[in-house]
């Protein structure tokens, strides 16, 4: 669905600025158009971008169109940031938090790819999480004001993106899976697929939720501005990510998307 692809392309690009505690001001769109692309497909993609642009007040201020062998879209976003929060500031003693329930995107992908049969739950909601993610624009900036020390959006997966924070910060981070909010429908999808729901929540990518570290005394204030925030772990001295379930190591088959 080209309309969904257009929406998701702009939403995902803007999410990176939100995860740095910035505000998205504008976007540029460059398209590579093959002769095989129909006018209807082209219109659908542009309409999807436009829907995202309007929903999140991200104006498209320019771009380029070129002929090519394959269709591609490059979205460049421009923003500003008064208090930058990178991945590298997590300190021992900080709590690790997530800004909402996760797993919905991967469950939606599984439904879209017919990897789950007999699902009777919230199919459309889960498909929406996969095809049309909605970043929490503005939340990153608000968390920066409250003292977040490190932050990232979940694009690769909870375990993989937490590892980015741990590596950049030179710290060890523990994730307590039983504390992670689970999106509605994930457990049913996991049961039908014959896998653990914890596999899904640990690896589900393109959620565009925020994972962040902050001093524990700042957490109550964070929950006041976003009621879906939950503490899911701790930052310690050391290196790497430790994934636990009820205090015991939990092996997962995949931590999320790997680019290389």
Foldseek 3Di string as FASTA:
>chain_A
DLLLVLQLQVQVQQLFQLQFLWAWAEKEKEKAAEPPDDPVSVVSNVNSVVVNCVVRVHYHDYYYYHYDHDIDMDMHIDTDHDQTAALAFFDFQWFKKWQAADLLQVLLVCVVVVLFPPQDPDNVVSVCLNSRAHAPHNLSNVVVVLFWRHKDFFAFFQQVVNQVSQVNHQWEKEFALVFHHHDPRLCVSCVRNVHHSSLRRQAPHPNSIMITIGNPVSVVVSCVVRVRMTGGIGIRHHGGYAYHYPRHGDDHPDRGDDPD
